[in-house]
């Protein structure tokens, strides 16, 4: 049996990853592809407990990074790897690049994070990653009421995260494709789906 494909969606909060994941899952399912749609942190029953732990307080950056890596390793072993082994396509809303982008934006060196990131992936790398690139102001407008009270701090963090994604894209342009997230969800999903056709 042919191994499935791992497709990851990345971007700052408000970029539309969850919406695009659902649209891609619909398009693939219409082609007869078994699709597993998931997200990080969480995405599987035990992972939701880890997600709650991560979100319940402000962790030091190092501790938060390790919690994300623990969640990913369990997610890969429990859900992602078995799905790929049976030939399913996995669409994951956030994966390793999110941890690298957000934790480096919080002051950790990307190079220090890399070896732990590779361990947490358990050998499962994305076949393709789509970075939904959205200006921070547009993201904050979309987030609206979800944004915390300190808009200035939030804006500064998201700008650093966006720049970290740009750096990841620069380092791995063959895997990470930049997508203009100011477009409509259908246009974004259509553009991504066109790139996935080669594997169908």
N, C-alpha and C. Protein backbone atom coordinates (compact mmCIF):
# COMPACT_ATOMS: atom_id res chain seq x y z
N UNK A 1 0.84 -1.20 0.00
CA UNK A 1 0.00 0.00 0.00
C UNK A 1 0.88 1.25 0.00
N UNK A 2 0.48 2.23 -0.81
CA UNK A 2 1.24 3.47 -0.88
C UNK A 2 1.02 4.31 0.38
N UNK A 3 2.13 4.87 0.88
CA UNK A 3 2.04 5.75 2.05
C UNK A 3 1.22 6.98 1.70
N UNK A 4 0.48 7.46 2.70
CA UNK A 4 -0.29 8.68 2.50
C UNK A 4 0.60 9.90 2.46
N UNK A 5 -0.02 11.06 2.51
CA UNK A 5 0.71 12.33 2.46
C UNK A 5 0.39 13.16 3.70
N UNK A 6 1.42 13.81 4.23
CA UNK A 6 1.23 14.74 5.34
C UNK A 6 1.32 16.16 4.80
N UNK A 7 0.22 16.87 4.88
CA UNK A 7 0.13 18.26 4.42
C UNK A 7 -0.06 19.13 5.65
N UNK A 8 0.82 20.09 5.85
CA UNK A 8 0.70 20.95 7.02
C UNK A 8 0.39 22.39 6.60
N UNK A 9 -0.41 23.03 7.43
CA UNK A 9 -0.79 24.43 7.20
C UNK A 9 -0.22 25.26 8.34
N UNK A 10 0.45 26.33 7.98
CA UNK A 10 1.12 27.18 8.96
C UNK A 10 0.72 28.63 8.77
N UNK A 11 0.98 29.43 9.79
CA UNK A 11 0.69 30.86 9.71
C UNK A 11 0.36 31.41 11.08
N UNK A 12 0.36 32.73 11.18
CA UNK A 12 0.05 33.37 12.46
C UNK A 12 -1.43 33.16 12.78
N UNK A 13 -1.79 33.43 14.03
CA UNK A 13 -3.19 33.33 14.45
C UNK A 13 -4.03 34.22 13.54
N UNK A 14 -5.18 33.71 13.11
CA UNK A 14 -6.07 34.49 12.27
C UNK A 14 -5.83 34.34 10.78
N UNK A 15 -4.83 33.54 10.39
CA UNK A 15 -4.50 33.40 8.96
C UNK A 15 -5.51 32.56 8.19
N UNK A 16 -6.33 31.78 8.90
CA UNK A 16 -7.36 30.98 8.23
C UNK A 16 -7.03 29.52 8.06
N UNK A 17 -6.08 29.02 8.83
CA UNK A 17 -5.64 27.63 8.67
C UNK A 17 -6.76 26.61 8.86
N UNK A 18 -7.57 26.79 9.88
CA UNK A 18 -8.64 25.82 10.17
C UNK A 18 -9.66 25.78 9.04
N UNK A 19 -10.02 26.94 8.52
CA UNK A 19 -10.96 27.02 7.40
C UNK A 19 -10.39 26.34 6.16
N UNK A 20 -9.14 26.62 5.85
CA UNK A 20 -8.52 26.05 4.66
C UNK A 20 -8.36 24.54 4.81
N UNK A 21 -8.02 24.08 6.01
CA UNK A 21 -7.90 22.63 6.25
C UNK A 21 -9.21 21.93 5.92
N UNK A 22 -10.33 22.50 6.35
CA UNK A 22 -11.64 21.90 6.08
C UNK A 22 -11.95 21.89 4.58
N UNK A 23 -11.63 22.98 3.89
CA UNK A 23 -11.89 23.05 2.44
C UNK A 23 -11.03 22.05 1.68
N UNK A 24 -9.77 21.89 2.08
CA UNK A 24 -8.91 20.91 1.42
C UNK A 24 -9.40 19.49 1.68
N UNK A 25 -9.82 19.23 2.91
CA UNK A 25 -10.33 17.90 3.24
C UNK A 25 -11.54 17.56 2.37
N UNK A 26 -12.43 18.53 2.16
CA UNK A 26 -13.60 18.32 1.30
C UNK A 26 -13.18 17.98 -0.13
N UNK A 27 -12.24 18.75 -0.66
CA UNK A 27 -11.80 18.54 -2.05
C UNK A 27 -11.13 17.17 -2.22
N UNK A 28 -10.31 16.79 -1.26
CA UNK A 28 -9.64 15.49 -1.35
C UNK A 28 -10.63 14.34 -1.19
N UNK A 29 -11.54 14.47 -0.23
CA UNK A 29 -12.55 13.42 -0.02
C UNK A 29 -13.40 13.23 -1.27
N UNK A 30 -13.69 14.33 -1.98
CA UNK A 30 -14.47 14.25 -3.21
C UNK A 30 -13.74 13.46 -4.29
N UNK A 31 -12.42 13.36 -4.17
CA UNK A 31 -11.61 12.56 -5.10
C UNK A 31 -11.43 11.12 -4.61
N UNK A 32 -12.10 10.77 -3.52
CA UNK A 32 -12.01 9.42 -3.01
C UNK A 32 -10.82 9.17 -2.10
N UNK A 33 -10.18 10.23 -1.64
CA UNK A 33 -9.02 10.10 -0.76
C UNK A 33 -9.49 10.04 0.69
N UNK A 34 -8.94 9.08 1.46
CA UNK A 34 -9.22 9.09 2.89
C UNK A 34 -8.43 10.24 3.51
N UNK A 35 -9.12 11.11 4.22
CA UNK A 35 -8.48 12.29 4.80
C UNK A 35 -8.65 12.27 6.32
N UNK A 36 -7.56 12.54 7.01
CA UNK A 36 -7.59 12.73 8.46
C UNK A 36 -7.23 14.19 8.70
N UNK A 37 -8.17 14.93 9.26
CA UNK A 37 -7.94 16.35 9.55
C UNK A 37 -7.64 16.48 11.04
N UNK A 38 -6.52 17.11 11.36
CA UNK A 38 -6.11 17.21 12.76
C UNK A 38 -5.44 18.56 13.01
N UNK A 39 -5.01 18.80 14.23
CA UNK A 39 -4.42 20.08 14.59
C UNK A 39 -3.44 19.89 15.75
N UNK A 40 -2.61 20.89 15.95
CA UNK A 40 -1.71 20.92 17.10
C UNK A 40 -1.78 22.28 17.77
N UNK A 41 -1.60 22.32 19.10
CA UNK A 41 -1.51 21.16 19.99
C UNK A 41 -2.85 20.45 20.12
N UNK A 42 -2.80 19.22 20.56
CA UNK A 42 -4.02 18.42 20.68
C UNK A 42 -4.17 17.56 19.44
N UNK A 43 -5.41 17.40 19.00
CA UNK A 43 -5.66 16.65 17.78
C UNK A 43 -5.94 15.18 18.00
N UNK A 44 -5.78 14.71 19.23
CA UNK A 44 -6.11 13.33 19.59
C UNK A 44 -6.45 13.37 21.07
N UNK A 45 -7.19 12.38 21.59
CA UNK A 45 -7.74 12.50 22.96
C UNK A 45 -6.71 12.86 24.03
N UNK A 46 -5.60 12.14 24.08
CA UNK A 46 -4.60 12.45 25.11
C UNK A 46 -3.95 13.81 24.85
N UNK A 47 -3.87 14.16 23.59
CA UNK A 47 -3.28 15.44 23.23
C UNK A 47 -4.08 16.62 23.71
N UNK A 48 -5.40 16.44 23.83
CA UNK A 48 -6.23 17.54 24.32
C UNK A 48 -5.89 17.86 25.78
N UNK A 49 -5.48 16.83 26.54
CA UNK A 49 -5.05 17.08 27.92
C UNK A 49 -3.75 17.88 27.92
N UNK A 50 -2.84 17.54 27.01
CA UNK A 50 -1.60 18.31 26.89
C UNK A 50 -1.89 19.73 26.44
N UNK A 51 -2.84 19.88 25.51
CA UNK A 51 -3.22 21.21 25.04
C UNK A 51 -3.71 22.08 26.20
N UNK A 52 -4.56 21.48 27.03
CA UNK A 52 -5.09 22.22 28.19
C UNK A 52 -3.95 22.63 29.12
N UNK A 53 -2.99 21.73 29.31
CA UNK A 53 -1.84 22.04 30.17
C UNK A 53 -1.03 23.20 29.60
N UNK A 54 -0.81 23.18 28.28
CA UNK A 54 -0.04 24.24 27.63
C UNK A 54 -0.74 25.59 27.77
N UNK A 55 -2.07 25.59 27.60
CA UNK A 55 -2.82 26.84 27.55
C UNK A 55 -3.21 27.38 28.92
N UNK A 56 -3.04 26.57 29.97
CA UNK A 56 -3.57 26.99 31.28
C UNK A 56 -2.73 28.06 31.97
N UNK A 57 -1.49 28.26 31.52
CA UNK A 57 -0.65 29.27 32.16
C UNK A 57 0.42 29.75 31.19
N UNK A 58 1.13 30.80 31.59
CA UNK A 58 2.27 31.30 30.82
C UNK A 58 3.51 30.52 31.22
N UNK A 59 3.96 29.62 30.36
CA UNK A 59 5.15 28.82 30.66
C UNK A 59 6.40 29.57 30.21
N UNK A 60 7.53 29.33 30.86
CA UNK A 60 8.79 29.84 30.31
C UNK A 60 8.97 29.26 28.90
N UNK A 61 9.60 29.99 27.99
CA UNK A 61 9.70 29.53 26.60
C UNK A 61 10.25 28.11 26.45
N UNK A 62 11.27 27.77 27.24
CA UNK A 62 11.86 26.43 27.12
C UNK A 62 10.86 25.35 27.51
N UNK A 63 10.14 25.57 28.61
CA UNK A 63 9.14 24.60 29.07
C UNK A 63 8.01 24.48 28.06
N UNK A 64 7.57 25.61 27.53
CA UNK A 64 6.49 25.58 26.55
C UNK A 64 6.91 24.81 25.30
N UNK A 65 8.13 25.05 24.83
CA UNK A 65 8.62 24.34 23.65
C UNK A 65 8.62 22.83 23.89
N UNK A 66 9.09 22.40 25.06
CA UNK A 66 9.14 20.97 25.35
C UNK A 66 7.75 20.36 25.45
N UNK A 67 6.79 21.12 25.97
CA UNK A 67 5.40 20.63 26.01
C UNK A 67 4.86 20.45 24.59
N UNK A 68 5.15 21.40 23.71
CA UNK A 68 4.72 21.26 22.32
C UNK A 68 5.37 20.05 21.67
N UNK A 69 6.66 19.83 21.95
CA UNK A 69 7.35 18.69 21.36
C UNK A 69 6.78 17.37 21.88
N UNK A 70 6.45 17.32 23.18
CA UNK A 70 5.85 16.10 23.74
C UNK A 70 4.50 15.82 23.08
N UNK A 71 3.71 16.87 22.90
CA UNK A 71 2.42 16.73 22.23
C UNK A 71 2.62 16.19 20.81
N UNK A 72 3.61 16.73 20.10
CA UNK A 72 3.82 16.31 18.71
C UNK A 72 4.25 14.85 18.62
N UNK A 73 5.19 14.44 19.46
CA UNK A 73 5.66 13.06 19.41
C UNK A 73 4.51 12.08 19.64
N UNK A 74 3.67 12.38 20.62
CA UNK A 74 2.52 11.51 20.89
C UNK A 74 1.51 11.57 19.74
N UNK A 75 1.31 12.75 19.19
CA UNK A 75 0.39 12.94 18.06
C UNK A 75 0.83 12.12 16.85
N UNK A 76 2.13 12.18 16.55
CA UNK A 76 2.67 11.42 15.42
C UNK A 76 2.48 9.93 15.64
N UNK A 77 2.90 9.45 16.82
CA UNK A 77 2.82 8.01 17.08
C UNK A 77 1.38 7.50 17.16
N UNK A 78 0.50 8.30 17.74
CA UNK A 78 -0.87 7.86 18.00
C UNK A 78 -1.77 7.99 16.78
N UNK A 79 -1.65 9.08 16.03
CA UNK A 79 -2.60 9.37 14.97
C UNK A 79 -1.98 9.52 13.59
N UNK A 80 -0.95 10.36 13.47
CA UNK A 80 -0.44 10.71 12.13
C UNK A 80 0.23 9.53 11.44
N UNK A 81 1.21 8.90 12.09
CA UNK A 81 1.95 7.80 11.45
C UNK A 81 1.04 6.63 11.07
N UNK A 82 0.12 6.19 11.95
CA UNK A 82 -0.78 5.10 11.55
C UNK A 82 -1.66 5.48 10.35
N UNK A 83 -2.12 6.72 10.30
CA UNK A 83 -2.96 7.15 9.17
C UNK A 83 -2.16 7.13 7.88
N UNK A 84 -0.94 7.64 7.91
CA UNK A 84 -0.10 7.63 6.71
C UNK A 84 0.21 6.20 6.26
N UNK A 85 0.44 5.31 7.22
CA UNK A 85 0.77 3.92 6.90
C UNK A 85 -0.36 3.21 6.16
N UNK A 86 -1.60 3.59 6.45
CA UNK A 86 -2.72 2.94 5.75
C UNK A 86 -3.10 3.68 4.46
N UNK A 87 -2.32 4.70 4.10
CA UNK A 87 -2.54 5.39 2.83
C UNK A 87 -3.38 6.64 2.91
N UNK A 88 -3.77 7.05 4.12
CA UNK A 88 -4.59 8.26 4.27
C UNK A 88 -3.73 9.51 4.10
N UNK A 89 -4.39 10.58 3.72
CA UNK A 89 -3.76 11.90 3.71
C UNK A 89 -4.09 12.58 5.03
N UNK A 90 -3.09 13.16 5.65
CA UNK A 90 -3.29 13.89 6.91
C UNK A 90 -3.10 15.38 6.64
N UNK A 91 -4.11 16.15 6.99
CA UNK A 91 -4.02 17.61 6.91
C UNK A 91 -3.92 18.11 8.34
N UNK A 92 -2.78 18.70 8.66
CA UNK A 92 -2.53 19.13 10.04
C UNK A 92 -2.43 20.65 10.13
N UNK A 93 -3.30 21.21 10.95
CA UNK A 93 -3.32 22.64 11.25
C UNK A 93 -2.26 22.88 12.32
N UNK A 94 -1.09 23.31 11.89
CA UNK A 94 0.13 23.53 12.67
C UNK A 94 0.91 22.21 12.83
N UNK A 95 2.24 22.36 12.78
CA UNK A 95 3.14 21.22 12.99
C UNK A 95 4.47 21.82 13.47
N UNK A 96 5.56 21.22 13.11
CA UNK A 96 6.86 21.65 13.63
C UNK A 96 7.18 23.12 13.36
N UNK A 97 6.84 23.60 12.18
CA UNK A 97 7.19 24.98 11.85
C UNK A 97 6.53 25.98 12.80
N UNK A 98 5.35 25.64 13.31
CA UNK A 98 4.70 26.53 14.29
C UNK A 98 5.54 26.65 15.55
N UNK A 99 6.03 25.52 16.04
CA UNK A 99 6.85 25.56 17.25
C UNK A 99 8.12 26.36 17.01
N UNK A 100 8.76 26.12 15.87
CA UNK A 100 9.98 26.86 15.56
C UNK A 100 9.70 28.36 15.45
N UNK A 101 8.61 28.73 14.78
CA UNK A 101 8.30 30.15 14.58
C UNK A 101 7.93 30.83 15.89
N UNK A 102 7.00 30.22 16.63
CA UNK A 102 6.52 30.87 17.86
C UNK A 102 7.57 30.89 18.96
N UNK A 103 8.29 29.78 19.12
CA UNK A 103 9.28 29.76 20.20
C UNK A 103 10.50 30.61 19.88
N UNK A 104 10.88 30.69 18.61
CA UNK A 104 11.98 31.60 18.27
C UNK A 104 11.54 33.04 18.44
N UNK A 105 10.26 33.32 18.18
CA UNK A 105 9.73 34.67 18.40
C UNK A 105 9.71 35.02 19.88
N UNK A 106 9.70 34.00 20.74
CA UNK A 106 9.73 34.22 22.18
C UNK A 106 11.16 34.22 22.73
N UNK A 107 12.14 34.18 21.84
CA UNK A 107 13.52 34.37 22.26
C UNK A 107 14.44 33.17 22.21
N UNK A 108 13.93 31.99 21.83
CA UNK A 108 14.79 30.82 21.73
C UNK A 108 15.43 30.76 20.34
N UNK A 109 16.68 30.35 20.28
CA UNK A 109 17.36 30.24 18.99
C UNK A 109 16.79 29.07 18.20
N UNK A 110 16.50 29.31 16.93
CA UNK A 110 15.91 28.27 16.09
C UNK A 110 16.81 27.04 16.03
N UNK A 111 18.11 27.26 16.00
CA UNK A 111 19.06 26.14 15.93
C UNK A 111 18.97 25.26 17.17
N UNK A 112 18.74 25.86 18.34
CA UNK A 112 18.60 25.08 19.58
C UNK A 112 17.33 24.24 19.55
N UNK A 113 16.31 24.74 18.90
CA UNK A 113 15.03 24.04 18.85
C UNK A 113 15.05 22.89 17.84
N UNK A 114 15.91 22.98 16.84
CA UNK A 114 15.85 22.08 15.69
C UNK A 114 16.02 20.60 16.06
N UNK A 115 17.00 20.28 16.91
CA UNK A 115 17.23 18.86 17.21
C UNK A 115 16.07 18.26 17.98
N UNK A 116 15.51 19.01 18.93
CA UNK A 116 14.33 18.51 19.65
C UNK A 116 13.15 18.39 18.70
N UNK A 117 13.05 19.30 17.75
CA UNK A 117 11.95 19.26 16.78
C UNK A 117 12.03 17.99 15.94
N UNK A 118 13.24 17.63 15.52
CA UNK A 118 13.41 16.42 14.72
C UNK A 118 13.07 15.17 15.53
N UNK A 119 13.47 15.14 16.79
CA UNK A 119 13.13 14.02 17.65
C UNK A 119 11.62 13.88 17.79
N UNK A 120 10.93 14.99 17.98
CA UNK A 120 9.48 14.97 18.20
C UNK A 120 8.71 14.52 16.96
N UNK A 121 9.30 14.70 15.78
CA UNK A 121 8.62 14.28 14.55
C UNK A 121 8.66 12.77 14.34
N UNK A 122 9.50 12.08 15.07
CA UNK A 122 9.59 10.61 14.96
C UNK A 122 9.80 10.17 13.51
N UNK A 123 10.55 10.96 12.76
CA UNK A 123 10.84 10.62 11.37
C UNK A 123 9.75 10.98 10.38
N UNK A 124 8.69 11.61 10.82
CA UNK A 124 7.57 11.95 9.93
C UNK A 124 7.64 13.44 9.58
N UNK A 125 8.12 13.72 8.37
CA UNK A 125 8.24 15.09 7.88
C UNK A 125 7.07 15.39 6.95
N UNK A 126 6.65 16.63 6.88
CA UNK A 126 5.57 16.98 5.94
C UNK A 126 6.00 16.76 4.49
N UNK A 127 5.06 16.29 3.68
CA UNK A 127 5.31 16.21 2.24
C UNK A 127 5.23 17.60 1.62
N UNK A 128 4.38 18.43 2.17
CA UNK A 128 4.25 19.82 1.71
C UNK A 128 3.71 20.66 2.86
N UNK A 129 4.22 21.87 2.94
CA UNK A 129 3.76 22.83 3.96
C UNK A 129 3.32 24.10 3.25
N UNK A 130 2.16 24.59 3.64
CA UNK A 130 1.64 25.83 3.06
C UNK A 130 1.56 26.88 4.15
N UNK A 131 2.36 27.92 3.96
CA UNK A 131 2.41 29.04 4.90
C UNK A 131 1.40 30.09 4.45
N UNK A 132 0.32 30.22 5.22
CA UNK A 132 -0.71 31.21 4.92
C UNK A 132 -0.22 32.55 5.48
N UNK A 133 0.34 33.35 4.60
CA UNK A 133 0.97 34.60 5.03
C UNK A 133 -0.04 35.74 5.02
N UNK A 134 -0.23 36.32 6.19
CA UNK A 134 -1.20 37.40 6.36
C UNK A 134 -0.56 38.53 7.15
N UNK A 135 -0.72 39.79 6.71
CA UNK A 135 -0.21 40.91 7.51
C UNK A 135 -0.81 40.89 8.92
N UNK A 136 -0.02 41.30 9.88
CA UNK A 136 -0.45 41.24 11.28
C UNK A 136 -1.71 42.05 11.52
N UNK A 137 -1.81 43.23 10.94
CA UNK A 137 -3.01 44.07 11.14
C UNK A 137 -4.27 43.34 10.68
N UNK A 138 -4.17 42.66 9.54
CA UNK A 138 -5.31 41.91 9.02
C UNK A 138 -5.65 40.74 9.94
N UNK A 139 -4.62 40.09 10.47
CA UNK A 139 -4.85 38.97 11.39
C UNK A 139 -5.55 39.44 12.65
N UNK A 140 -5.10 40.56 13.21
CA UNK A 140 -5.72 41.09 14.43
C UNK A 140 -7.16 41.50 14.18
N UNK A 141 -7.44 42.02 13.00
CA UNK A 141 -8.83 42.38 12.67
C UNK A 141 -9.70 41.14 12.62
N UNK A 142 -9.15 40.04 12.10
CA UNK A 142 -9.92 38.79 12.03
C UNK A 142 -10.13 38.20 13.42
N UNK A 143 -9.07 38.23 14.22
CA UNK A 143 -9.16 37.64 15.56
C UNK A 143 -10.17 38.39 16.40
N UNK A 144 -10.17 39.71 16.31
CA UNK A 144 -11.15 40.54 17.00
C UNK A 144 -11.20 40.27 18.48
N UNK A 145 -12.35 39.80 18.94
CA UNK A 145 -12.59 39.61 20.38
C UNK A 145 -11.69 38.54 20.98
N UNK A 146 -11.11 37.67 20.14
CA UNK A 146 -10.23 36.63 20.67
C UNK A 146 -8.89 37.19 21.12
N UNK A 147 -8.56 38.39 20.64
CA UNK A 147 -7.25 38.97 20.97
C UNK A 147 -7.21 39.40 22.43
N UNK A 148 -6.08 39.22 23.10
CA UNK A 148 -5.97 39.65 24.49
C UNK A 148 -5.98 41.17 24.59
N UNK A 149 -6.10 41.66 25.81
CA UNK A 149 -6.24 43.10 26.03
C UNK A 149 -5.03 43.88 25.53
N UNK A 150 -3.82 43.32 25.71
CA UNK A 150 -2.62 44.06 25.33
C UNK A 150 -2.34 43.91 23.83
N UNK A 151 -3.01 44.72 23.04
CA UNK A 151 -2.89 44.64 21.58
C UNK A 151 -1.46 44.89 21.11
N UNK A 152 -0.78 45.85 21.74
CA UNK A 152 0.57 46.18 21.31
C UNK A 152 1.50 44.98 21.46
N UNK A 153 1.44 44.30 22.62
CA UNK A 153 2.29 43.13 22.84
C UNK A 153 1.94 42.03 21.85
N UNK A 154 0.65 41.83 21.62
CA UNK A 154 0.20 40.79 20.70
C UNK A 154 0.70 41.09 19.28
N UNK A 155 0.58 42.34 18.88
CA UNK A 155 1.02 42.74 17.54
C UNK A 155 2.52 42.52 17.36
N UNK A 156 3.30 42.90 18.36
CA UNK A 156 4.75 42.73 18.28
C UNK A 156 5.14 41.26 18.19
N UNK A 157 4.47 40.41 18.99
CA UNK A 157 4.75 38.98 18.94
C UNK A 157 4.42 38.40 17.58
N UNK A 158 3.22 38.72 17.07
CA UNK A 158 2.81 38.16 15.77
C UNK A 158 3.73 38.62 14.65
N UNK A 159 4.23 39.83 14.74
CA UNK A 159 5.17 40.31 13.71
C UNK A 159 6.46 39.50 13.76
N UNK A 160 6.94 39.19 14.97
CA UNK A 160 8.14 38.36 15.08
C UNK A 160 7.87 36.94 14.56
N UNK A 161 6.69 36.42 14.84
CA UNK A 161 6.33 35.08 14.34
C UNK A 161 6.28 35.09 12.82
N UNK A 162 5.66 36.12 12.25
CA UNK A 162 5.58 36.21 10.79
C UNK A 162 6.98 36.25 10.17
N UNK A 163 7.88 37.00 10.78
CA UNK A 163 9.25 37.06 10.27
C UNK A 163 9.95 35.71 10.42
N UNK A 164 9.65 34.98 11.48
CA UNK A 164 10.23 33.64 11.66
C UNK A 164 9.72 32.69 10.57
N UNK A 165 8.44 32.79 10.23
CA UNK A 165 7.92 31.97 9.13
C UNK A 165 8.62 32.33 7.82
N UNK A 166 8.86 33.61 7.59
CA UNK A 166 9.57 34.04 6.38
C UNK A 166 10.97 33.42 6.33
N UNK A 167 11.62 33.35 7.48
CA UNK A 167 12.95 32.74 7.55
C UNK A 167 12.88 31.24 7.27
N UNK A 168 11.89 30.56 7.83
CA UNK A 168 11.72 29.13 7.56
C UNK A 168 11.46 28.88 6.08
N UNK A 169 10.65 29.71 5.47
CA UNK A 169 10.37 29.61 4.03
C UNK A 169 11.65 29.82 3.23
N UNK A 170 12.46 30.78 3.64
CA UNK A 170 13.72 31.04 2.94
C UNK A 170 14.66 29.84 3.03
N UNK A 171 14.65 29.16 4.19
CA UNK A 171 15.53 28.00 4.38
C UNK A 171 15.05 26.76 3.64
N UNK A 172 13.75 26.62 3.44
CA UNK A 172 13.22 25.39 2.82
C UNK A 172 12.14 25.70 1.79
N UNK A 173 12.48 26.46 0.73
CA UNK A 173 11.46 26.84 -0.25
C UNK A 173 10.89 25.66 -1.03
N UNK A 174 11.63 24.55 -1.08
CA UNK A 174 11.12 23.39 -1.81
C UNK A 174 10.00 22.69 -1.05
N UNK A 175 9.94 22.87 0.26
CA UNK A 175 8.87 22.25 1.07
C UNK A 175 7.81 23.25 1.48
N UNK A 176 8.21 24.46 1.82
CA UNK A 176 7.26 25.46 2.34
C UNK A 176 6.88 26.42 1.23
N UNK A 177 5.61 26.41 0.87
CA UNK A 177 5.09 27.33 -0.14
C UNK A 177 4.36 28.48 0.55
N UNK A 178 4.68 29.70 0.16
CA UNK A 178 3.98 30.87 0.70
C UNK A 178 2.69 31.06 -0.08
N UNK A 179 1.59 31.27 0.66
CA UNK A 179 0.28 31.50 0.07
C UNK A 179 -0.26 32.83 0.59
N UNK A 180 -0.77 33.64 -0.30
CA UNK A 180 -1.33 34.94 0.08
C UNK A 180 -2.65 34.71 0.82
N UNK A 181 -2.64 34.90 2.13
CA UNK A 181 -3.82 34.62 2.94
C UNK A 181 -4.82 35.77 2.96
N UNK A 182 -4.57 36.83 2.17
CA UNK A 182 -5.58 37.88 2.04
C UNK A 182 -6.64 37.50 1.00
N UNK A 183 -6.37 36.44 0.23
CA UNK A 183 -7.34 35.97 -0.77
C UNK A 183 -8.52 35.30 -0.07
N UNK A 184 -9.58 35.05 -0.83
CA UNK A 184 -10.74 34.38 -0.26
C UNK A 184 -10.38 32.93 0.07
N UNK A 185 -11.05 32.33 1.05
CA UNK A 185 -10.75 30.93 1.40
C UNK A 185 -10.83 29.98 0.21
N UNK A 186 -11.83 30.14 -0.65
CA UNK A 186 -11.95 29.24 -1.81
C UNK A 186 -10.77 29.40 -2.76
N UNK A 187 -10.33 30.62 -2.98
CA UNK A 187 -9.19 30.83 -3.88
C UNK A 187 -7.92 30.24 -3.28
N UNK A 188 -7.76 30.38 -1.97
CA UNK A 188 -6.59 29.79 -1.31
C UNK A 188 -6.62 28.27 -1.43
N UNK A 189 -7.77 27.68 -1.13
CA UNK A 189 -7.90 26.22 -1.20
C UNK A 189 -7.68 25.72 -2.62
N UNK A 190 -8.20 26.45 -3.61
CA UNK A 190 -8.00 26.06 -5.01
C UNK A 190 -6.52 26.09 -5.38
N UNK A 191 -5.82 27.14 -4.95
CA UNK A 191 -4.39 27.27 -5.27
C UNK A 191 -3.58 26.13 -4.64
N UNK A 192 -3.90 25.80 -3.40
CA UNK A 192 -3.19 24.71 -2.73
C UNK A 192 -3.52 23.38 -3.38
N UNK A 193 -4.80 23.17 -3.68
CA UNK A 193 -5.22 21.91 -4.28
C UNK A 193 -4.52 21.68 -5.62
N UNK A 194 -4.32 22.73 -6.39
CA UNK A 194 -3.61 22.60 -7.67
C UNK A 194 -2.21 22.04 -7.46
N UNK A 195 -1.57 22.46 -6.38
CA UNK A 195 -0.22 21.98 -6.10
C UNK A 195 -0.22 20.52 -5.63
N UNK A 196 -1.35 20.07 -5.08
CA UNK A 196 -1.43 18.70 -4.58
C UNK A 196 -1.82 17.70 -5.66
N UNK A 197 -2.32 18.17 -6.78
CA UNK A 197 -2.81 17.28 -7.84
C UNK A 197 -1.77 16.27 -8.31
N UNK A 198 -0.50 16.64 -8.26
CA UNK A 198 0.56 15.75 -8.76
C UNK A 198 0.57 14.42 -8.03
N UNK A 199 0.03 14.39 -6.80
CA UNK A 199 0.03 13.15 -6.02
C UNK A 199 -1.29 12.39 -6.12
N UNK A 200 -2.25 12.92 -6.85
CA UNK A 200 -3.56 12.26 -6.92
C UNK A 200 -3.63 11.30 -8.10
